[in-house]
Amino acid sequence: RLKVRVSAPPEGGRANDAIVALLARALCVKARDLEIVAGRSSAEKSVRVIGVDEGVVRRMIPSA
C-alpha cells in the first residue's frame, strides 16, 4: 500500500492521470505501462504495473 497525494482535481479523471504519471516517473516506466484496475472513482485505487517485478517496485519505492 502506498499513499500519494496529487494536486489535480478528481474531475474528468485528471487525478487518476496525475497518479499514473507520478508512479510512472517513480518507477521509470511509461504511463501506458500502468493501469488503474480498481477504484477509478474512489480515493483508494489498485494499480497494475506491466513489465516490472514486484520486488523491483518495492526497491524503487521503499514504502510500497
Protein backbone atom coordinates (compact mmCIF):
# COMPACT_ATOMS: atom_id res chain seq x y z
CA ARG A 1 0.00 0.00 0.00
CA LEU A 2 1.27 3.41 -0.95
CA LYS A 3 -0.26 6.75 -0.06
CA VAL A 4 0.12 9.50 -2.66
CA ARG A 5 -1.31 12.98 -2.92
CA VAL A 6 -1.73 14.95 -6.14
CA SER A 7 -3.00 18.48 -6.68
CA ALA A 8 -5.09 17.61 -9.75
CA PRO A 9 -8.86 17.70 -9.20
CA PRO A 10 -10.80 14.44 -9.42
CA GLU A 11 -12.98 15.78 -12.23
CA GLY A 12 -12.67 14.16 -15.65
CA GLY A 13 -10.12 11.62 -14.49
CA ARG A 14 -7.41 14.25 -14.04
CA ALA A 15 -6.42 12.99 -10.57
CA ASN A 16 -6.15 9.43 -11.90
CA ASP A 17 -3.95 10.66 -14.75
CA ALA A 18 -1.76 12.56 -12.27
CA ILE A 19 -1.37 9.47 -10.08
CA VAL A 20 -0.40 7.33 -13.08
CA ALA A 21 2.12 9.97 -14.22
CA LEU A 22 3.61 10.22 -10.72
CA LEU A 23 4.00 6.45 -10.38
CA ALA A 24 5.41 6.14 -13.90
CA ARG A 25 8.12 8.68 -13.08
CA ALA A 26 8.91 6.99 -9.76
CA LEU A 27 9.20 3.55 -11.39
CA CYS A 28 10.98 4.75 -14.56
CA VAL A 29 8.29 3.29 -16.83
CA LYS A 30 5.94 4.79 -19.39
CA ALA A 31 2.48 5.82 -18.20
CA ARG A 32 0.96 3.32 -20.64
CA ASP A 33 2.59 0.55 -18.57
CA LEU A 34 0.39 1.41 -15.59
CA GLU A 35 -3.30 0.69 -15.31
CA ILE A 36 -5.78 1.57 -12.59
CA VAL A 37 -7.57 -1.75 -12.19
CA ALA A 38 -9.85 -0.83 -9.28
CA GLY A 39 -11.06 2.38 -7.69
CA ARG A 40 -11.17 4.74 -10.64
CA SER A 41 -13.85 6.79 -8.89
CA SER A 42 -12.71 6.34 -5.29
CA ALA A 43 -9.82 7.61 -3.21
CA GLU A 44 -8.39 4.09 -2.80
CA LYS A 45 -7.06 2.58 -6.02
CA SER A 46 -5.32 -0.57 -7.19
CA VAL A 47 -2.72 -0.08 -9.89
CA ARG A 48 -1.16 -2.73 -12.12
CA VAL A 49 2.37 -2.13 -13.36
CA ILE A 50 3.17 -4.04 -16.54
CA GLY A 51 6.68 -5.32 -17.09
CA VAL A 52 8.05 -4.60 -13.61
CA ASP A 53 8.54 -7.26 -10.95
CA GLU A 54 7.02 -6.62 -7.51
CA GLY A 55 10.46 -6.79 -5.91
CA VAL A 56 11.71 -4.04 -8.20
CA VAL A 57 8.74 -1.85 -7.26
CA ARG A 58 9.46 -2.41 -3.56
CA ARG A 59 13.12 -1.43 -4.03
CA MET A 60 12.29 1.68 -6.09
CA ILE A 61 9.50 2.80 -3.73
CA PRO A 62 10.51 1.57 -0.27
CA SER A 63 7.15 2.44 1.31
CA ALA A 64 5.24 0.29 -1.24
